[in-house]
């Protein structure tokens, strides 16, 4: 999900993330026109994974979409534009900027034409990040994520189907903000060589909320912690990759930018709990199972 990618070279990755205001801007119901010039971009690496931008007019993929909003409103996107959460734009890891895609919510069959003007998302193998307005019109703003099909199209006038509304619901907090601050591991030092790891804690019985999440087939992750240094977060990811797919995402909590690390997703709560016990044993004392 994410507007923090700014520029990549072979030896340097510069990332800029900051909190944003609540300026709403003009709501849009069609993809904005593309500025002149198309940028494909060089291969780049984030959190140990390489991405190779390319022109692909037949692009057609199914995956998970998320959305990003107020935390990045009026901030610079990867192709130098100003992000507007009320415009119909999107972030993608490899498609040219700008380019146009048809995004179809496979849960309700709504579709939109969005203009790709940013890079991301770089978490949990998600396929695309859409603007807040896009999530509203596709019908998954409150849920946070949904399963979608993303298809490359020629331009903003490609056919799409969506129920439009001139009065969108009030601004909802993003999914990345749903975790309480006290549940995050802030600047926790790595376990030192020769140091006894913290013994695993006893797993508590599943709460009613957890049982409800499992019944709803929500994704299951182990949330390891959140770190003010992207380097520290990357080190944690490298140390935990043997336990499952590990990734990071940027969060903004009380005006402070952090990089949150998760492992997953897991098919069952028992496999998630098994991974959690191993992560706790490595010294990540605030790690816990979360449902998304």
C-alpha atoms as a PDB file:
ATOM      1  CA  UNK A   1       0.000   0.000   0.000  1.00  0.00           C
ATOM      2  CA  UNK A   2       2.095   2.493  -0.575  1.00  0.00           C
ATOM      3  CA  UNK A   3       3.154   6.008  -1.505  1.00  0.00           C
ATOM      4  CA  UNK A   4       6.460   6.055   0.310  1.00  0.00           C
ATOM      5  CA  UNK A   5       8.628   4.818  -2.581  1.00  0.00           C
ATOM      6  CA  UNK A   6      10.473   7.763  -4.082  1.00  0.00           C
ATOM      7  CA  UNK A   7      13.499   6.711  -6.135  1.00  0.00           C
ATOM      8  CA  UNK A   8      15.752   3.683  -6.604  1.00  0.00           C
ATOM      9  CA  UNK A   9      19.296   3.257  -7.867  1.00  0.00           C
ATOM     10  CA  UNK A  10      21.443   0.136  -7.739  1.00  0.00           C
ATOM     11  CA  UNK A  11      23.153   1.298  -4.560  1.00  0.00           C
ATOM     12  CA  UNK A  12      20.635   3.609  -2.911  1.00  0.00           C
ATOM     13  CA  UNK A  13      16.974   3.504  -1.903  1.00  0.00           C
ATOM     14  CA  UNK A  14      15.503   6.783  -0.707  1.00  0.00           C
ATOM     15  CA  UNK A  15      12.184   6.531   1.073  1.00  0.00           C
ATOM     16  CA  UNK A  16      10.043   9.399   2.273  1.00  0.00           C
ATOM     17  CA  UNK A  17       6.997   8.923   4.444  1.00  0.00           C
ATOM     18  CA  UNK A  18       5.224  11.579   6.481  1.00  0.00           C
ATOM     19  CA  UNK A  19       1.915  12.255   8.151  1.00  0.00           C
ATOM     20  CA  UNK A  20      -0.587  14.317   6.271  1.00  0.00           C
ATOM     21  CA  UNK A  21      -3.451  16.677   6.836  1.00  0.00           C
ATOM     22  CA  UNK A  22      -7.103  16.005   6.368  1.00  0.00           C
ATOM     23  CA  UNK A  23      -7.670  18.177   3.267  1.00  0.00           C
ATOM     24  CA  UNK A  24     -10.327  16.444   1.253  1.00  0.00           C
ATOM     25  CA  UNK A  25      -9.853  17.888  -2.250  1.00  0.00           C
ATOM     26  CA  UNK A  26     -12.404  17.266  -4.986  1.00  0.00           C
ATOM     27  CA  UNK A  27     -14.021  13.851  -5.111  1.00  0.00           C
ATOM     28  CA  UNK A  28     -13.669  12.165  -8.492  1.00  0.00           C
ATOM     29  CA  UNK A  29     -15.719   9.499 -10.220  1.00  0.00           C
ATOM     30  CA  UNK A  30     -13.510   8.923 -13.263  1.00  0.00           C
ATOM     31  CA  UNK A  31      -9.792   8.356 -13.678  1.00  0.00           C
ATOM     32  CA  UNK A  32      -7.889  11.638 -14.100  1.00  0.00           C
ATOM     33  CA  UNK A  33      -6.097  12.279 -17.408  1.00  0.00           C
ATOM     34  CA  UNK A  34      -2.489  11.201 -17.635  1.00  0.00           C
ATOM     35  CA  UNK A  35       0.266  13.822 -17.738  1.00  0.00           C
ATOM     36  CA  UNK A  36       2.656  13.734 -20.662  1.00  0.00           C
ATOM     37  CA  UNK A  37       5.474  11.220 -20.558  1.00  0.00           C
ATOM     38  CA  UNK A  38       5.415   7.603 -19.438  1.00  0.00           C
ATOM     39  CA  UNK A  39       8.037   6.240 -17.015  1.00  0.00           C
ATOM     40  CA  UNK A  40       8.695   2.511 -16.872  1.00  0.00           C
ATOM     41  CA  UNK A  41      11.599   2.652 -14.424  1.00  0.00           C
ATOM     42  CA  UNK A  42      14.607   0.499 -13.553  1.00  0.00           C
ATOM     43  CA  UNK A  43      14.518  -2.700 -11.458  1.00  0.00           C
ATOM     44  CA  UNK A  44      14.545  -1.959  -7.731  1.00  0.00           C
ATOM     45  CA  UNK A  45      14.765  -3.903  -4.488  1.00  0.00           C
ATOM     46  CA  UNK A  46      12.676  -3.497  -1.331  1.00  0.00           C
ATOM     47  CA  UNK A  47      12.888  -5.733   1.750  1.00  0.00           C
ATOM     48  CA  UNK A  48      15.007  -8.262  -0.114  1.00  0.00           C
ATOM     49  CA  UNK A  49      12.641  -8.589  -3.083  1.00  0.00           C
ATOM     50  CA  UNK A  50      13.375  -7.359  -6.598  1.00  0.00           C
ATOM     51  CA  UNK A  51      10.727  -5.688  -8.766  1.00  0.00           C
ATOM     52  CA  UNK A  52      11.140  -5.163 -12.522  1.00  0.00           C
ATOM     53  CA  UNK A  53       8.864  -2.502 -14.020  1.00  0.00           C
ATOM     54  CA  UNK A  54       7.722  -3.246 -17.567  1.00  0.00           C
ATOM     55  CA  UNK A  55       5.146  -2.312 -20.179  1.00  0.00           C
ATOM     56  CA  UNK A  56       2.572  -5.098 -20.334  1.00  0.00           C
ATOM     57  CA  UNK A  57      -0.587  -4.248 -22.339  1.00  0.00           C
ATOM     58  CA  UNK A  58      -1.996  -7.743 -21.663  1.00  0.00           C
ATOM     59  CA  UNK A  59      -1.531  -7.573 -17.874  1.00  0.00           C
ATOM     60  CA  UNK A  60      -4.341  -9.525 -16.164  1.00  0.00           C
ATOM     61  CA  UNK A  61      -3.859 -10.695 -12.583  1.00  0.00           C
ATOM     62  CA  UNK A  62      -5.988 -11.661  -9.581  1.00  0.00           C
ATOM     63  CA  UNK A  63      -4.911 -10.795  -6.046  1.00  0.00           C
ATOM     64  CA  UNK A  64      -5.543  -8.709  -2.945  1.00  0.00           C
ATOM     65  CA  UNK A  65      -6.164  -4.961  -3.116  1.00  0.00           C
ATOM     66  CA  UNK A  66      -5.775  -2.544  -0.226  1.00  0.00           C
ATOM     67  CA  UNK A  67      -6.159   1.239  -0.063  1.00  0.00           C
ATOM     68  CA  UNK A  68      -4.266   4.236   1.229  1.00  0.00           C
ATOM     69  CA  UNK A  69      -5.678   7.598   2.214  1.00  0.00           C
ATOM     70  CA  UNK A  70      -5.185  10.475   4.644  1.00  0.00           C
ATOM     71  CA  UNK A  71      -1.657   9.587   5.766  1.00  0.00           C
ATOM     72  CA  UNK A  72      -0.394  10.205   2.220  1.00  0.00           C
ATOM     73  CA  UNK A  73      -2.806  12.904   0.996  1.00  0.00           C
ATOM     74  CA  UNK A  74      -0.970  15.803  -0.718  1.00  0.00           C
ATOM     75  CA  UNK A  75       2.335  13.908  -0.564  1.00  0.00           C
ATOM     76  CA  UNK A  76       4.484  13.124  -3.588  1.00  0.00           C
ATOM     77  CA  UNK A  77       3.886   9.892  -5.495  1.00  0.00           C
ATOM     78  CA  UNK A  78       6.605   7.823  -7.143  1.00  0.00           C
ATOM     79  CA  UNK A  79       6.207   9.584 -10.501  1.00  0.00           C
ATOM     80  CA  UNK A  80       6.319  13.066  -8.966  1.00  0.00           C
ATOM     81  CA  UNK A  81       2.593  13.842  -8.821  1.00  0.00           C
ATOM     82  CA  UNK A  82       0.760  14.962  -5.697  1.00  0.00           C
ATOM     83  CA  UNK A  83      -1.307  12.157  -4.215  1.00  0.00           C
ATOM     84  CA  UNK A  84      -5.029  12.936  -3.906  1.00  0.00           C
ATOM     85  CA  UNK A  85      -6.935  10.330  -1.923  1.00  0.00           C
ATOM     86  CA  UNK A  86     -10.179  11.517  -3.573  1.00  0.00           C
ATOM     87  CA  UNK A  87      -8.933  10.886  -7.123  1.00  0.00           C
ATOM     88  CA  UNK A  88      -9.145   7.558  -8.912  1.00  0.00           C
ATOM     89  CA  UNK A  89      -5.498   6.521  -8.876  1.00  0.00           C
ATOM     90  CA  UNK A  90      -3.530   3.476  -7.757  1.00  0.00           C
ATOM     91  CA  UNK A  91      -0.088   2.185  -6.796  1.00  0.00           C
ATOM     92  CA  UNK A  92       1.424  -0.868  -8.508  1.00  0.00           C
ATOM     93  CA  UNK A  93       4.870  -2.411  -8.219  1.00  0.00           C
ATOM     94  CA  UNK A  94       5.715  -2.860 -11.926  1.00  0.00           C
ATOM     95  CA  UNK A  95       3.234  -1.240 -14.329  1.00  0.00           C
ATOM     96  CA  UNK A  96       4.339   1.942 -16.142  1.00  0.00           C
ATOM     97  CA  UNK A  97       3.515   5.331 -14.658  1.00  0.00           C
ATOM     98  CA  UNK A  98       1.149   6.621 -15.724  1.00  0.00           C
ATOM     99  CA  UNK A  99      -0.923   3.773 -17.120  1.00  0.00           C
ATOM    100  CA  UNK A 100      -4.522   2.706 -16.757  1.00  0.00           C
ATOM    101  CA  UNK A 101      -6.027  -0.444 -15.228  1.00  0.00           C
ATOM    102  CA  UNK A 102      -9.490  -1.843 -14.745  1.00  0.00           C
ATOM    103  CA  UNK A 103      -9.833  -3.015 -11.128  1.00  0.00           C
ATOM    104  CA  UNK A 104     -12.784  -5.341 -10.457  1.00  0.00           C
ATOM    105  CA  UNK A 105     -13.846  -6.198  -6.918  1.00  0.00           C
ATOM    106  CA  UNK A 106     -14.540  -9.934  -7.196  1.00  0.00           C
ATOM    107  CA  UNK A 107     -16.713  -9.822  -4.075  1.00  0.00           C
ATOM    108  CA  UNK A 108     -19.379  -7.557  -5.657  1.00  0.00           C
ATOM    109  CA  UNK A 109     -18.365  -7.353  -9.359  1.00  0.00           C
ATOM    110  CA  UNK A 110     -17.904  -3.578  -9.274  1.00  0.00           C
ATOM    111  CA  UNK A 111     -15.132  -2.239 -11.495  1.00  0.00           C
ATOM    112  CA  UNK A 112     -13.290   1.052 -11.942  1.00  0.00           C
ATOM    113  CA  UNK A 113     -10.702   2.522 -14.259  1.00  0.00           C
ATOM    114  CA  UNK A 114      -7.757   3.790 -12.213  1.00  0.00           C
ATOM    115  CA  UNK A 115      -4.584   5.576 -13.259  1.00  0.00           C
ATOM    116  CA  UNK A 116      -1.356   4.093 -11.893  1.00  0.00           C
ATOM    117  CA  UNK A 117       0.873   6.913 -10.622  1.00  0.00           C
ATOM    118  CA  UNK A 118       2.676   5.343  -7.652  1.00  0.00           C
ATOM    119  CA  UNK A 119       4.697   2.328  -6.552  1.00  0.00           C
ATOM    120  CA  UNK A 120       3.494  -0.259  -4.051  1.00  0.00           C
ATOM    121  CA  UNK A 121       2.148  -2.100  -2.164  1.00  0.00           C
ATOM    122  CA  UNK A 122       5.190  -3.831  -0.673  1.00  0.00           C
ATOM    123  CA  UNK A 123       3.467  -6.002   1.938  1.00  0.00           C
ATOM    124  CA  UNK A 124       2.064  -9.526   2.069  1.00  0.00           C
ATOM    125  CA  UNK A 125       2.176  -9.988  -1.715  1.00  0.00           C
ATOM    126  CA  UNK A 126      -0.733  -7.611  -2.224  1.00  0.00           C
ATOM    127  CA  UNK A 127      -1.415  -6.817  -5.863  1.00  0.00           C
ATOM    128  CA  UNK A 128      -2.472  -3.164  -5.878  1.00  0.00           C
ATOM    129  CA  UNK A 129      -3.122  -0.171  -3.615  1.00  0.00           C
ATOM    130  CA  UNK A 130      -6.050   2.007  -4.654  1.00  0.00           C
ATOM    131  CA  UNK A 131      -6.949   5.487  -3.500  1.00  0.00           C
ATOM    132  CA  UNK A 132      -9.475   6.000  -0.744  1.00  0.00           C
ATOM    133  CA  UNK A 133     -12.043   7.137  -3.344  1.00  0.00           C
ATOM    134  CA  UNK A 134     -11.374   4.004  -5.360  1.00  0.00           C
ATOM    135  CA  UNK A 135     -11.986   1.833  -2.287  1.00  0.00           C
ATOM    136  CA  UNK A 136     -15.246   3.683  -1.605  1.00  0.00           C
ATOM    137  CA  UNK A 137     -16.585   3.139  -5.104  1.00  0.00           C
ATOM    138  CA  UNK A 138     -15.396  -0.457  -5.247  1.00  0.00           C
ATOM    139  CA  UNK A 139     -17.138  -1.094  -1.924  1.00  0.00           C
ATOM    140  CA  UNK A 140     -14.294  -2.191   0.359  1.00  0.00           C
ATOM    141  CA  UNK A 141     -13.249   0.961   2.233  1.00  0.00           C
ATOM    142  CA  UNK A 142     -14.586  -0.261   5.579  1.00  0.00           C
ATOM    143  CA  UNK A 143     -13.190  -3.764   5.153  1.00  0.00           C
ATOM    144  CA  UNK A 144      -9.734  -2.531   4.150  1.00  0.00           C
ATOM    145  CA  UNK A 145      -8.832  -5.242   1.631  1.00  0.00           C
ATOM    146  CA  UNK A 146     -10.615  -7.309  -0.994  1.00  0.00           C
ATOM    147  CA  UNK A 147      -9.914  -9.787  -3.782  1.00  0.00           C
ATOM    148  CA  UNK A 148      -9.682  -8.104  -7.179  1.00  0.00           C
ATOM    149  CA  UNK A 149      -8.804  -8.626 -10.817  1.00  0.00           C
ATOM    150  CA  UNK A 150      -6.431  -6.032 -12.306  1.00  0.00           C
ATOM    151  CA  UNK A 151      -6.340  -5.647 -16.103  1.00  0.00           C
ATOM    152  CA  UNK A 152      -4.322  -3.227 -18.219  1.00  0.00           C
ATOM    153  CA  UNK A 153      -6.500  -0.997 -20.442  1.00  0.00           C
ATOM    154  CA  UNK A 154      -5.761   1.579 -23.119  1.00  0.00           C
ATOM    155  CA  UNK A 155      -6.990   4.654 -21.289  1.00  0.00           C
ATOM    156  CA  UNK A 156      -9.499   6.330 -18.949  1.00  0.00           C
ATOM    157  CA  UNK A 157     -12.483   5.662 -21.235  1.00  0.00           C
ATOM    158  CA  UNK A 158     -12.317   1.865 -21.070  1.00  0.00           C
ATOM    159  CA  UNK A 159     -15.610   0.280 -19.944  1.00  0.00           C
ATOM    160  CA  UNK A 160     -16.212  -0.190 -16.217  1.00  0.00           C
ATOM    161  CA  UNK A 161     -19.171  -0.729 -13.923  1.00  0.00           C
ATOM    162  CA  UNK A 162     -19.604   0.842 -10.510  1.00  0.00           C
ATOM    163  CA  UNK A 163     -22.388   2.357  -8.407  1.00  0.00           C
ATOM    164  CA  UNK A 164     -21.401   6.008  -8.010  1.00  0.00           C
ATOM    165  CA  UNK A 165     -22.249   8.130  -4.994  1.00  0.00           C
ATOM    166  CA  UNK A 166     -21.920  11.887  -4.558  1.00  0.00           C
ATOM    167  CA  UNK A 167     -21.924  11.577  -0.762  1.00  0.00           C
ATOM    168  CA  UNK A 168     -19.210   9.129   0.267  1.00  0.00           C
ATOM    169  CA  UNK A 169     -19.150   7.845   3.856  1.00  0.00           C
ATOM    170  CA  UNK A 170     -17.041   9.637   6.479  1.00  0.00           C
ATOM    171  CA  UNK A 171     -13.302   9.088   6.402  1.00  0.00           C
ATOM    172  CA  UNK A 172     -12.474   5.713   7.862  1.00  0.00           C
ATOM    173  CA  UNK A 173      -9.201   4.923   9.568  1.00  0.00           C
ATOM    174  CA  UNK A 174      -6.961   2.796   7.390  1.00  0.00           C
ATOM    175  CA  UNK A 175      -6.387  -0.837   8.172  1.00  0.00           C
ATOM    176  CA  UNK A 176      -2.818  -0.040   9.169  1.00  0.00           C
ATOM    177  CA  UNK A 177      -4.149   2.143  11.984  1.00  0.00           C
ATOM    178  CA  UNK A 178      -6.310  -0.509  13.617  1.00  0.00           C
ATOM    179  CA  UNK A 179      -3.539  -1.775  15.885  1.00  0.00           C
ATOM    180  CA  UNK A 180      -3.190  -0.113  19.271  1.00  0.00           C
ATOM    181  CA  UNK A 181       0.099   1.676  19.887  1.00  0.00           C
ATOM    182  CA  UNK A 182       0.841  -0.337  22.994  1.00  0.00           C
ATOM    183  CA  UNK A 183       0.758  -3.557  20.946  1.00  0.00           C
ATOM    184  CA  UNK A 184       3.712  -2.466  18.804  1.00  0.00           C
ATOM    185  CA  UNK A 185       7.335  -3.315  19.550  1.00  0.00           C
ATOM    186  CA  UNK A 186       9.210  -0.011  19.330  1.00  0.00           C
ATOM    187  CA  UNK A 187      12.939  -0.207  18.667  1.00  0.00           C
ATOM    188  CA  UNK A 188      13.255  -3.590  20.331  1.00  0.00           C
ATOM    189  CA  UNK A 189      16.954  -4.608  20.114  1.00  0.00           C
ATOM    190  CA  UNK A 190      17.821  -7.915  18.441  1.00  0.00           C
ATOM    191  CA  UNK A 191      18.780 -10.882  20.573  1.00  0.00           C
ATOM    192  CA  UNK A 192      22.518 -10.759  21.233  1.00  0.00           C
ATOM    193  CA  UNK A 193      24.797 -13.720  20.565  1.00  0.00           C
ATOM    194  CA  UNK A 194      25.022 -15.839  23.704  1.00  0.00           C
ATOM    195  CA  UNK A 195      21.954 -14.199  25.225  1.00  0.00           C
ATOM    196  CA  UNK A 196      19.196 -16.480  26.429  1.00  0.00           C
ATOM    197  CA  UNK A 197      16.082 -15.927  24.296  1.00  0.00           C
ATOM    198  CA  UNK A 198      12.915 -14.913  26.071  1.00  0.00           C
ATOM    199  CA  UNK A 199      10.884 -18.033  26.817  1.00  0.00           C
ATOM    200  CA  UNK A 200       7.634 -18.310  24.916  1.00  0.00           C
ATOM    201  CA  UNK A 201       4.517 -17.216  26.731  1.00  0.00           C
ATOM    202  CA  UNK A 202       1.453 -19.345  27.123  1.00  0.00           C
ATOM    203  CA  UNK A 203      -1.100 -18.836  24.366  1.00  0.00           C
ATOM    204  CA  UNK A 204      -4.343 -17.366  25.596  1.00  0.00           C
ATOM    205  CA  UNK A 205      -7.621 -18.895  24.582  1.00  0.00           C
ATOM    206  CA  UNK A 206      -9.092 -17.436  21.411  1.00  0.00           C
ATOM    207  CA  UNK A 207     -11.173 -14.349  22.073  1.00  0.00           C
ATOM    208  CA  UNK A 208     -14.694 -14.047  20.628  1.00  0.00           C
ATOM    209  CA  UNK A 209     -13.282 -11.516  18.141  1.00  0.00           C
ATOM    210  CA  UNK A 210     -10.632 -14.005  17.007  1.00  0.00           C
ATOM    211  CA  UNK A 211     -13.201 -16.773  16.604  1.00  0.00           C
ATOM    212  CA  UNK A 212     -15.367 -14.396  14.571  1.00  0.00           C
ATOM    213  CA  UNK A 213     -12.374 -13.478  12.391  1.00  0.00           C
ATOM    214  CA  UNK A 214     -11.607 -17.136  11.713  1.00  0.00           C
ATOM    215  CA  UNK A 215     -15.245 -17.796  10.863  1.00  0.00           C
ATOM    216  CA  UNK A 216     -15.145 -14.885   8.394  1.00  0.00           C
ATOM    217  CA  UNK A 217     -12.082 -16.414   6.671  1.00  0.00           C
ATOM    218  CA  UNK A 218      -9.922 -13.398   7.468  1.00  0.00           C
ATOM    219  CA  UNK A 219      -6.206 -13.584   6.756  1.00  0.00           C
ATOM    220  CA  UNK A 220      -4.097 -14.626   9.754  1.00  0.00           C
ATOM    221  CA  UNK A 221      -0.708 -13.062  10.472  1.00  0.00           C
ATOM    222  CA  UNK A 222       1.852 -12.864  13.240  1.00  0.00           C
ATOM    223  CA  UNK A 223       2.562  -9.207  13.897  1.00  0.00           C
ATOM    224  CA  UNK A 224       6.171  -9.051  15.049  1.00  0.00           C
ATOM    225  CA  UNK A 225       6.624  -5.369  15.837  1.00  0.00           C
ATOM    226  CA  UNK A 226       7.053  -1.865  14.454  1.00  0.00           C
ATOM    227  CA  UNK A 227      10.364  -0.067  14.083  1.00  0.00           C
ATOM    228  CA  UNK A 228      11.424   3.500  13.428  1.00  0.00           C
ATOM    229  CA  UNK A 229      14.336   2.283  11.276  1.00  0.00           C
ATOM    230  CA  UNK A 230      13.635   0.599   7.947  1.00  0.00           C
ATOM    231  CA  UNK A 231      17.019  -1.107   8.265  1.00  0.00           C
ATOM    232  CA  UNK A 232      16.029  -2.685  11.579  1.00  0.00           C
ATOM    233  CA  UNK A 233      12.711  -3.835  10.077  1.00  0.00           C
ATOM    234  CA  UNK A 234      14.563  -5.368   7.118  1.00  0.00           C
ATOM    235  CA  UNK A 235      16.904  -7.227   9.506  1.00  0.00           C
ATOM    236  CA  UNK A 236      13.908  -8.677  11.350  1.00  0.00           C
ATOM    237  CA  UNK A 237      12.348  -9.791   8.051  1.00  0.00           C
ATOM    238  CA  UNK A 238      15.572 -11.540   7.035  1.00  0.00           C
ATOM    239  CA  UNK A 239      15.750 -13.332  10.388  1.00  0.00           C
ATOM    240  CA  UNK A 240      12.153 -14.587  10.203  1.00  0.00           C
ATOM    241  CA  UNK A 241      11.747 -15.571   6.554  1.00  0.00           C
ATOM    242  CA  UNK A 242      12.200 -19.241   7.414  1.00  0.00           C
ATOM    243  CA  UNK A 243       8.914 -19.080   9.341  1.00  0.00           C
ATOM    244  CA  UNK A 244       6.829 -17.848   6.400  1.00  0.00           C
ATOM    245  CA  UNK A 245       6.335 -14.914   4.079  1.00  0.00           C
ATOM    246  CA  UNK A 246       7.614 -11.849   5.931  1.00  0.00           C
ATOM    247  CA  UNK A 247       6.939  -8.289   4.861  1.00  0.00           C
ATOM    248  CA  UNK A 248       6.775  -4.727   6.088  1.00  0.00           C
ATOM    249  CA  UNK A 249       4.394  -1.811   5.671  1.00  0.00           C
ATOM    250  CA  UNK A 250       4.626   1.795   6.748  1.00  0.00           C
ATOM    251  CA  UNK A 251       2.318   3.091   9.469  1.00  0.00           C
ATOM    252  CA  UNK A 252       1.890   6.522  10.984  1.00  0.00           C
ATOM    253  CA  UNK A 253       0.956   6.525  14.657  1.00  0.00           C
ATOM    254  CA  UNK A 254       0.589   9.749  16.603  1.00  0.00           C
ATOM    255  CA  UNK A 255       2.693  11.554  14.011  1.00  0.00           C
ATOM    256  CA  UNK A 256       5.513   9.023  14.141  1.00  0.00           C
ATOM    257  CA  UNK A 257       6.454   6.955  11.105  1.00  0.00           C
ATOM    258  CA  UNK A 258       7.141   3.305  11.786  1.00  0.00           C
ATOM    259  CA  UNK A 259       7.761   0.189   9.734  1.00  0.00           C
ATOM    260  CA  UNK A 260       5.575  -2.716  10.812  1.00  0.00           C
ATOM    261  CA  UNK A 261       6.698  -6.309  10.237  1.00  0.00           C
ATOM    262  CA  UNK A 262       4.292  -9.211   9.800  1.00  0.00           C
ATOM    263  CA  UNK A 263       4.741 -12.890   8.979  1.00  0.00           C
ATOM    264  CA  UNK A 264       2.024 -14.760   7.098  1.00  0.00           C
ATOM    265  CA  UNK A 265      -0.564 -15.174   6.043  1.00  0.00           C
ATOM    266  CA  UNK A 266      -1.300 -18.542   7.617  1.00  0.00           C
ATOM    267  CA  UNK A 267      -4.012 -21.003   6.647  1.00  0.00           C
ATOM    268  CA  UNK A 268      -5.014 -21.860  10.212  1.00  0.00           C
ATOM    269  CA  UNK A 269      -4.753 -20.346  13.660  1.00  0.00           C
ATOM    270  CA  UNK A 270      -2.733 -23.364  14.842  1.00  0.00           C
ATOM    271  CA  UNK A 271       0.032 -22.766  12.275  1.00  0.00           C
ATOM    272  CA  UNK A 272       0.013 -19.065  13.181  1.00  0.00           C
ATOM    273  CA  UNK A 273       0.323 -19.919  16.868  1.00  0.00           C
ATOM    274  CA  UNK A 274       3.217 -22.275  16.098  1.00  0.00           C
ATOM    275  CA  UNK A 275       5.044 -19.477  14.276  1.00  0.00           C
ATOM    276  CA  UNK A 276       4.221 -17.080  17.106  1.00  0.00           C
ATOM    277  CA  UNK A 277       5.838 -19.365  19.683  1.00  0.00           C
ATOM    278  CA  UNK A 278       9.044 -19.469  17.637  1.00  0.00           C
ATOM    279  CA  UNK A 279       9.032 -15.692  17.160  1.00  0.00           C
ATOM    280  CA  UNK A 280       8.520 -15.091  20.877  1.00  0.00           C
ATOM    281  CA  UNK A 281      11.393 -17.474  21.600  1.00  0.00           C
ATOM    282  CA  UNK A 282      13.640 -15.282  19.435  1.00  0.00           C
ATOM    283  CA  UNK A 283      13.028 -12.342  21.757  1.00  0.00           C
ATOM    284  CA  UNK A 284      10.215 -10.468  20.024  1.00  0.00           C
ATOM    285  CA  UNK A 285       8.186 -10.183  23.196  1.00  0.00           C
ATOM    286  CA  UNK A 286       5.224  -8.204  21.836  1.00  0.00           C
ATOM    287  CA  UNK A 287       4.555 -10.426  18.817  1.00  0.00           C
ATOM    288  CA  UNK A 288       0.969 -11.596  18.508  1.00  0.00           C
ATOM    289  CA  UNK A 289      -1.495 -13.190  16.108  1.00  0.00           C
ATOM    290  CA  UNK A 290      -3.694 -10.695  14.261  1.00  0.00           C
ATOM    291  CA  UNK A 291      -6.551 -11.076  11.797  1.00  0.00           C
ATOM    292  CA  UNK A 292      -6.975  -8.892   8.727  1.00  0.00           C
END
